[in-house]
Amino acid sequence: MSDEIQDLTLKIYDAVADPGRWGAALDQLVDRVGAQGSIIFEWEDSEGDRRLTAPIHSGYYSSDAISVYLSKCQDMEARDQAIIRQHTHDDDEIALLDDTLLASSVDELKQQEHVQKLMRLGIFHRAAGVMNKDNRWLSLFSVQLNAARNPLDAKERHFLSQVLPHVAKALDLSIPIRQLQSRYQRVLSAIDELAIGVCVLDSRAMIVARNEEFRRQQETYRLFRVGQGGQLRIADRSGQSQLDRLMSDWREHGRFGGRPRKESILSHTDTPLCIEITPLQKSDEIGNGLFGGFVLCSTDTSLPVMCDKTRIRQAFGLTSAEASLVDAIGEGLTNPEIADRRNRSVSTVNAQTKSILAKSNCANRTQFVRMMMRFGASFLTPR
């Protein structure tokens, strides 16, 4: 089974750099667990309102058919997802929850209008899980089962438990690339349009491509260097050790389930860079053969972040004072600068920052800013 999981996992990570590969990866997942189809739901914010979308799905469905379903059943689907979020625990582990939570009995479940629509399509049982524990509205993975079969069994659940952490990480890291895809079809050729640093590495860590933001970070912070052999290295022993580990084995990825940002490489040199890396096995933009490299993303968390701070306050139960501090952090201000602006002591601001980090389950300020960016931030450079 290990080879099977490795093959599927690497296909999932290939979808980070090429979002068009999601469908084939989900098709393989669906076939392995005997499901009818799979849909990844997302909620889009529009003028203060949330709208349910399904941008990623297996080949069993057409985008048009899903759009019709959501136009007719959005409220009922939203109710189901609210129940899933309510029963999702706050730890990092991804839990796939059955539709038995959605009604008191199977008979009652079958009486629901949207379930009856699905049954007419040959679908009955469903299972779903929150993919991002920081922002539970961000993405929800779901599988739909043929009406003739029972819910997922223990072996199928075990298989999914090994794959879904990688799905969660790939979904999280693909957000900037998917935004870029809205502008350009060939995304690796357009990475200069991204506001985060991106560097494509081969299997030896040799630089294949990098964008302007990554070059700026190299010049500004000197955290990245090119070794004598031409490999990209991190000028920090701990950071380089983490990078070596993540490049050595695909199983080192996805270790933090629904909080992929915990896997970030955080330097001990006091630089504000948040570094993440994902395998890249194949890419049509690089060539038809096996590439076997990596995509490294680096976020400068000292830069201003435009995101939905109201959603952040709601997600973590922040006080008004803490929420105003989030606003200042989003502007890229340091704690001493915030203290000076608010006429407070640095120790008071430090204490409030520690409270925010505790509530948001973040190790430090750099990781918190990285987390903020999953609440509606744009990753594209202004036109």
Protein backbone atom coordinates (compact mmCIF):
# COMPACT_ATOMS: atom_id res chain seq x y z
CA MET A 1 0.00 0.00 0.00
CA SER A 2 2.94 2.33 0.64
CA ASP A 3 3.78 2.56 -3.09
CA GLU A 4 0.13 3.25 -3.86
CA ILE A 5 -0.04 6.04 -1.28
CA GLN A 6 3.25 7.50 -2.50
CA ASP A 7 2.03 7.59 -6.10
CA LEU A 8 -1.23 9.30 -5.15
CA THR A 9 0.43 11.71 -2.71
CA LEU A 10 2.93 12.93 -5.29
CA LYS A 11 0.11 13.44 -7.80
CA ILE A 12 -1.71 15.51 -5.17
CA TYR A 13 1.36 17.69 -4.63
CA ASP A 14 1.80 18.14 -8.39
CA ALA A 15 -1.56 19.94 -8.29
CA VAL A 16 0.05 22.76 -6.28
CA ALA A 17 2.00 23.98 -9.31
CA ASP A 18 -0.59 22.76 -11.80
CA PRO A 19 -4.15 23.08 -10.42
CA GLY A 20 -5.45 21.29 -13.49
CA ARG A 21 -4.09 18.04 -12.05
CA TRP A 22 -6.53 18.01 -9.12
CA GLY A 23 -9.21 16.13 -11.08
CA ALA A 24 -6.97 13.17 -11.95
CA ALA A 25 -5.67 12.94 -8.38
CA LEU A 26 -9.20 12.86 -6.98
CA ASP A 27 -10.21 10.27 -9.59
CA GLN A 28 -7.47 7.97 -8.32
CA LEU A 29 -8.52 8.56 -4.72
CA VAL A 30 -12.18 7.87 -5.54
CA ASP A 31 -11.33 4.62 -7.33
CA ARG A 32 -9.21 3.42 -4.41
CA VAL A 33 -11.98 3.76 -1.83
CA GLY A 34 -14.84 2.72 -4.09
CA ALA A 35 -16.60 6.09 -4.00
CA GLN A 36 -18.77 7.61 -6.69
CA GLY A 37 -17.13 11.00 -6.64
CA SER A 38 -15.30 13.63 -4.62
CA ILE A 39 -15.87 17.37 -4.26
CA ILE A 40 -13.80 20.00 -2.47
CA PHE A 41 -16.09 22.79 -1.35
CA GLU A 42 -14.93 26.33 -0.60
CA TRP A 43 -16.69 29.43 0.69
CA GLU A 44 -16.00 32.70 -1.12
CA ASP A 45 -16.52 36.03 0.61
CA SER A 46 -18.35 38.59 -1.50
CA GLU A 47 -19.27 41.97 0.00
CA GLY A 48 -19.57 40.48 3.48
CA ASP A 49 -21.58 37.43 2.39
CA ARG A 50 -20.30 33.90 1.97
CA ARG A 51 -21.07 31.91 -1.16
CA LEU A 52 -20.54 28.16 -1.42
CA THR A 53 -18.47 27.00 -4.40
CA ALA A 54 -16.99 23.70 -5.58
CA PRO A 55 -13.93 24.61 -7.68
CA ILE A 56 -12.26 21.18 -7.38
CA HIS A 57 -13.94 17.85 -8.07
CA SER A 58 -13.39 14.41 -9.53
CA GLY A 59 -14.23 13.59 -13.11
CA TYR A 60 -17.55 11.95 -12.26
CA TYR A 61 -19.09 15.41 -12.00
CA SER A 62 -19.24 18.28 -14.46
CA SER A 63 -18.79 21.83 -13.18
CA ASP A 64 -22.15 22.75 -14.68
CA ALA A 65 -23.95 19.93 -12.83
CA ILE A 66 -22.42 20.98 -9.52
CA SER A 67 -23.39 24.61 -10.14
CA VAL A 68 -26.99 23.55 -10.75
CA TYR A 69 -26.98 21.47 -7.55
CA LEU A 70 -25.61 24.35 -5.48
CA SER A 71 -28.07 26.84 -6.97
CA LYS A 72 -30.93 24.64 -5.81
CA CYS A 73 -29.53 23.15 -2.60
CA GLN A 74 -27.02 25.70 -1.25
CA ASP A 75 -28.91 26.31 2.00
CA MET A 76 -29.23 22.59 2.75
CA GLU A 77 -25.61 21.91 1.84
CA ALA A 78 -24.57 24.87 4.01
CA ARG A 79 -26.53 23.40 6.93
CA ASP A 80 -24.75 20.05 6.51
CA GLN A 81 -21.34 21.71 6.42
CA ALA A 82 -22.15 23.77 9.52
CA ILE A 83 -22.83 20.52 11.37
CA ILE A 84 -19.53 19.08 10.13
CA ARG A 85 -17.66 22.17 11.36
CA GLN A 86 -19.47 21.99 14.70
CA HIS A 87 -18.36 18.37 15.24
CA THR A 88 -14.78 19.00 14.08
CA HIS A 89 -12.30 18.90 16.96
CA ASP A 90 -9.74 21.66 17.44
CA ASP A 91 -6.65 19.43 17.17
CA ASP A 92 -4.54 19.16 14.02
CA GLU A 93 -5.86 15.75 12.98
CA ILE A 94 -8.23 15.61 10.03
CA ALA A 95 -11.42 13.72 10.79
CA LEU A 96 -13.68 12.40 8.05
CA LEU A 97 -17.23 12.58 9.42
CA ASP A 98 -20.17 10.53 8.15
CA ASP A 99 -23.60 11.78 7.11
CA THR A 100 -25.04 9.96 10.12
CA LEU A 101 -24.44 13.26 11.97
CA LEU A 102 -26.89 15.03 9.69
CA ALA A 103 -30.07 13.25 10.81
CA SER A 104 -31.32 11.15 13.71
CA SER A 105 -31.88 8.10 11.48
CA VAL A 106 -31.26 6.83 7.95
CA ASP A 107 -34.96 7.20 7.18
CA GLU A 108 -34.91 10.85 8.26
CA LEU A 109 -31.79 11.44 6.16
CA LYS A 110 -33.54 10.03 3.10
CA GLN A 111 -36.39 12.49 3.57
CA GLN A 112 -34.16 15.53 3.11
CA GLU A 113 -34.74 17.28 -0.19
CA HIS A 114 -31.13 17.51 -1.33
CA VAL A 115 -30.45 13.91 -0.33
CA GLN A 116 -33.38 12.83 -2.49
CA LYS A 117 -31.87 14.73 -5.42
CA LEU A 118 -28.59 12.90 -4.86
CA MET A 119 -30.38 9.55 -4.61
CA ARG A 120 -31.93 10.13 -8.02
CA LEU A 121 -28.33 10.39 -9.28
CA GLY A 122 -27.44 7.09 -7.62
CA ILE A 123 -25.70 8.68 -4.61
CA PHE A 124 -26.62 8.30 -0.95
CA HIS A 125 -24.00 8.15 1.80
CA ARG A 126 -21.47 10.98 2.08
CA ALA A 127 -18.48 11.78 4.26
CA ALA A 128 -16.64 15.06 4.69
CA GLY A 129 -13.80 16.67 6.62
CA VAL A 130 -12.50 20.20 7.25
CA MET A 131 -9.15 20.70 5.53
CA ASN A 132 -8.01 23.85 7.36
CA LYS A 133 -8.47 24.05 11.11
CA ASP A 134 -7.48 27.74 11.22
CA ASN A 135 -10.17 28.86 8.80
CA ARG A 136 -12.82 26.14 8.77
CA TRP A 137 -14.66 27.84 5.92
CA LEU A 138 -11.65 27.62 3.61
CA SER A 139 -12.01 24.11 2.20
CA LEU A 140 -13.99 20.96 2.93
CA PHE A 141 -13.14 17.61 1.36
CA SER A 142 -16.04 15.28 0.64
CA VAL A 143 -16.70 11.91 -0.94
CA GLN A 144 -20.03 10.65 -2.21
CA LEU A 145 -20.87 6.94 -2.31
CA ASN A 146 -23.05 4.89 -4.60
CA ALA A 147 -26.54 4.33 -3.19
CA ALA A 148 -26.03 0.57 -3.42
CA ARG A 149 -23.11 0.43 -0.98
CA ASN A 150 -22.53 0.94 2.74
CA PRO A 151 -20.65 3.86 4.32
CA LEU A 152 -16.85 3.87 4.25
CA ASP A 153 -15.35 0.87 6.04
CA ALA A 154 -12.33 0.80 8.36
CA LYS A 155 -9.80 -0.01 5.62
CA GLU A 156 -11.07 2.78 3.38
CA ARG A 157 -10.95 5.23 6.26
CA HIS A 158 -7.41 4.17 7.11
CA PHE A 159 -6.32 4.79 3.53
CA LEU A 160 -7.93 8.23 3.50
CA SER A 161 -6.39 9.10 6.87
CA GLN A 162 -2.94 8.69 5.29
CA VAL A 163 -3.77 10.75 2.20
CA LEU A 164 -5.93 13.62 3.48
CA PRO A 165 -3.14 15.43 5.39
CA HIS A 166 -1.36 15.77 2.03
CA VAL A 167 -4.58 16.97 0.41
CA ALA A 168 -4.83 19.61 3.15
CA LYS A 169 -1.26 20.83 2.61
CA ALA A 170 -1.61 20.86 -1.18
CA LEU A 171 -4.87 22.80 -0.99
CA ASP A 172 -3.29 25.32 1.36
CA LEU A 173 -0.15 25.90 -0.69
CA SER A 174 -2.04 25.98 -3.98
CA ILE A 175 -4.09 29.07 -3.03
CA PRO A 176 -1.57 31.59 -4.47
CA ILE A 177 -1.10 29.50 -7.62
CA ARG A 178 -4.84 29.14 -8.15
CA GLN A 179 -5.19 32.90 -7.83
CA LEU A 180 -2.47 33.24 -10.45
CA GLN A 181 -4.28 30.76 -12.69
CA SER A 182 -7.21 33.17 -12.80
CA ARG A 183 -4.91 35.47 -14.80
CA TYR A 184 -2.65 33.07 -16.69
CA GLN A 185 -3.01 29.53 -18.01
CA ARG A 186 0.68 28.67 -17.64
CA VAL A 187 1.34 29.57 -14.03
CA LEU A 188 5.03 28.73 -13.65
CA SER A 189 5.78 31.10 -16.52
CA ALA A 190 3.98 33.90 -14.67
CA ILE A 191 5.33 33.53 -11.11
CA ASP A 192 6.71 37.09 -11.17
CA GLU A 193 3.06 38.14 -10.71
CA LEU A 194 3.02 36.56 -7.23
CA ALA A 195 3.61 38.63 -4.11
CA ILE A 196 5.28 35.68 -2.35
CA GLY A 197 8.68 34.28 -3.21
CA VAL A 198 8.65 31.15 -5.38
CA CYS A 199 11.67 29.04 -6.32
CA VAL A 200 11.53 25.80 -8.33
CA LEU A 201 14.30 23.36 -7.38
CA ASP A 202 15.40 20.12 -8.99
CA SER A 203 16.10 16.96 -6.98
CA ARG A 204 19.58 18.26 -6.07
CA ALA A 205 18.20 21.64 -4.87
CA MET A 206 19.57 23.41 -7.94
CA ILE A 207 17.52 26.48 -8.90
CA VAL A 208 15.44 25.90 -12.03
CA ALA A 209 13.31 29.05 -11.80
CA ARG A 210 12.63 31.82 -9.29
CA ASN A 211 10.48 34.92 -9.28
CA GLU A 212 11.31 38.55 -8.60
CA GLU A 213 10.03 38.44 -5.02
CA PHE A 214 12.30 35.52 -4.21
CA ARG A 215 15.26 37.42 -5.67
CA ARG A 216 14.34 40.44 -3.55
CA GLN A 217 14.24 38.27 -0.43
CA GLN A 218 17.65 36.80 -1.28
CA GLU A 219 19.15 40.28 -1.52
CA THR A 220 17.31 41.73 1.48
CA TYR A 221 17.76 39.02 4.12
CA ARG A 222 20.69 36.91 2.97
CA LEU A 223 18.94 33.88 4.46
CA PHE A 224 19.15 31.99 1.18
CA ARG A 225 22.52 31.28 -0.36
CA VAL A 226 23.82 29.22 -3.23
CA GLY A 227 26.42 26.66 -2.16
CA GLN A 228 29.64 25.72 -3.97
CA GLY A 229 27.82 22.97 -5.82
CA GLY A 230 25.11 25.36 -6.97
CA GLN A 231 22.44 24.14 -4.57
CA LEU A 232 20.12 26.51 -2.77
CA ARG A 233 20.78 26.44 0.96
CA ILE A 234 19.44 28.18 4.05
CA ALA A 235 22.07 30.12 5.99
CA ASP A 236 20.77 28.78 9.29
CA ARG A 237 21.64 25.31 10.56
CA SER A 238 18.20 24.55 11.96
CA GLY A 239 16.41 25.83 8.86
CA GLN A 240 18.68 23.85 6.55
CA SER A 241 18.11 20.72 8.64
CA GLN A 242 14.34 21.12 8.24
CA LEU A 243 14.74 21.71 4.50
CA ASP A 244 16.92 18.59 4.12
CA ARG A 245 14.33 16.50 5.98
CA LEU A 246 11.45 17.72 3.82
CA MET A 247 13.42 17.10 0.62
CA SER A 248 14.53 13.63 1.68
CA ASP A 249 11.18 11.84 1.99
CA TRP A 250 7.60 12.60 0.84
CA ARG A 251 6.35 11.14 4.14
CA GLU A 252 7.84 14.13 5.97
CA HIS A 253 5.13 16.31 4.43
CA GLY A 254 1.59 16.69 5.73
CA ARG A 255 2.60 15.96 9.31
CA PHE A 256 0.35 18.66 10.79
CA GLY A 257 -2.95 17.66 9.20
CA GLY A 258 -5.40 20.54 9.19
CA ARG A 259 -2.75 23.14 10.10
CA PRO A 260 -0.19 22.88 7.28
CA ARG A 261 1.42 26.22 8.23
CA LYS A 262 2.97 24.46 11.26
CA GLU A 263 5.26 22.71 8.80
CA SER A 264 6.81 26.04 7.80
CA ILE A 265 10.56 26.47 8.12
CA LEU A 266 11.12 29.37 10.50
CA SER A 267 14.69 30.67 10.66
CA HIS A 268 16.42 31.34 13.96
CA THR A 269 18.19 34.37 12.44
CA ASP A 270 15.29 36.75 13.27
CA THR A 271 14.29 37.14 9.63
CA PRO A 272 10.54 37.42 8.99
CA LEU A 273 10.53 34.80 6.23
CA CYS A 274 8.15 31.86 6.39
CA ILE A 275 9.47 29.09 4.11
CA GLU A 276 7.45 26.15 2.79
CA ILE A 277 8.27 23.42 0.32
CA THR A 278 6.31 20.80 -1.58
CA PRO A 279 7.34 17.98 -3.92
CA LEU A 280 6.95 18.49 -7.66
CA GLN A 281 7.12 15.16 -9.46
CA LYS A 282 5.75 16.22 -12.84
CA SER A 283 4.97 19.50 -14.57
CA ASP A 284 3.95 19.99 -18.18
CA GLU A 285 5.60 23.43 -18.12
CA ILE A 286 8.95 21.89 -17.20
CA GLY A 287 8.79 18.85 -19.49
CA ASN A 288 7.02 15.59 -20.28
CA GLY A 289 9.31 13.39 -18.21
CA LEU A 290 9.76 12.88 -14.49
CA PHE A 291 11.06 16.06 -12.82
CA GLY A 292 11.36 14.91 -9.22
CA GLY A 293 11.98 18.37 -7.79
CA PHE A 294 10.31 20.82 -5.44
CA VAL A 295 8.48 24.12 -5.25
CA LEU A 296 9.71 26.36 -2.44
CA CYS A 297 7.49 29.25 -1.32
CA SER A 298 8.77 32.03 0.91
CA THR A 299 6.53 34.66 2.49
CA ASP A 300 7.92 37.92 3.88
CA THR A 301 5.70 38.39 6.92
CA SER A 302 7.05 41.89 7.60
CA LEU A 303 5.07 43.23 4.64
CA PRO A 304 1.50 44.55 5.05
CA VAL A 305 -1.22 41.90 4.79
CA MET A 306 -4.67 42.72 3.46
CA CYS A 307 -7.07 40.13 4.86
CA ASP A 308 -10.45 39.79 6.55
CA LYS A 309 -9.61 40.64 10.14
CA THR A 310 -13.25 40.38 11.23
CA ARG A 311 -13.20 36.70 10.23
CA ILE A 312 -9.96 36.24 12.16
CA ARG A 313 -11.49 37.76 15.27
CA GLN A 314 -14.51 35.47 14.97
CA ALA A 315 -12.40 32.38 14.30
CA PHE A 316 -10.29 32.72 17.43
CA GLY A 317 -12.55 34.60 19.82
CA LEU A 318 -10.28 37.64 20.09
CA THR A 319 -11.11 40.60 22.31
CA SER A 320 -11.53 44.08 20.84
CA ALA A 321 -8.05 45.05 22.03
CA GLU A 322 -6.54 41.92 20.50
CA ALA A 323 -8.42 42.49 17.24
CA SER A 324 -7.01 46.03 16.98
CA LEU A 325 -3.55 44.56 17.53
CA VAL A 326 -4.18 42.18 14.61
CA ASP A 327 -4.90 45.24 12.45
CA ALA A 328 -1.52 46.71 13.38
CA ILE A 329 0.29 43.40 12.81
CA GLY A 330 -1.36 43.26 9.40
CA GLU A 331 0.18 46.64 8.60
CA GLY A 332 3.61 45.12 9.17
CA LEU A 333 4.32 47.04 12.40
CA THR A 334 6.65 45.62 15.03
CA ASN A 335 5.53 45.40 18.65
CA PRO A 336 7.59 48.48 19.68
CA GLU A 337 6.04 50.44 16.78
CA ILE A 338 2.57 49.30 17.83
CA ALA A 339 3.26 50.32 21.44
CA ASP A 340 4.41 53.74 20.32
CA ARG A 341 1.36 54.29 18.11
CA ARG A 342 -1.10 53.16 20.80
CA ASN A 343 0.72 54.88 23.67
CA ARG A 344 1.11 51.56 25.47
CA SER A 345 4.12 49.86 26.97
CA VAL A 346 5.94 47.28 24.91
CA SER A 347 5.32 44.73 27.67
CA THR A 348 1.54 45.27 27.33
CA VAL A 349 1.69 44.75 23.57
CA ASN A 350 3.90 41.69 24.06
CA ALA A 351 1.37 40.22 26.50
CA GLN A 352 -1.50 40.80 24.08
CA THR A 353 0.55 39.22 21.28
CA LYS A 354 1.19 36.13 23.41
CA SER A 355 -2.54 35.86 24.07
CA ILE A 356 -3.30 36.05 20.34
CA LEU A 357 -0.68 33.40 19.57
CA ALA A 358 -2.13 31.10 22.23
CA LYS A 359 -5.69 31.50 20.94
CA SER A 360 -4.67 30.92 17.33
CA ASN A 361 -2.35 27.97 18.12
CA CYS A 362 0.62 29.73 16.51
CA ALA A 363 4.20 29.25 17.64
CA ASN A 364 5.28 32.82 16.93
CA ARG A 365 4.36 36.05 15.17
CA THR A 366 5.76 34.93 11.81
CA GLN A 367 3.53 31.87 11.81
CA PHE A 368 0.56 34.00 12.87
CA VAL A 369 1.00 36.37 9.91
CA ARG A 370 1.29 33.34 7.62
CA MET A 371 -2.00 32.10 9.09
CA MET A 372 -3.66 35.50 8.59
CA MET A 373 -3.06 35.19 4.87
CA ARG A 374 -5.57 32.33 4.68
CA PHE A 375 -8.35 34.76 5.55
CA GLY A 376 -8.93 36.40 2.18
CA ALA A 377 -5.48 37.74 1.32
CA SER A 378 -4.53 38.37 -2.30
CA PHE A 379 -1.25 36.83 -3.42
CA LEU A 380 -1.07 38.68 -6.73
CA THR A 381 0.97 41.81 -7.38
CA PRO A 382 -1.15 44.89 -8.20
CA ARG A 383 -1.66 45.53 -11.88
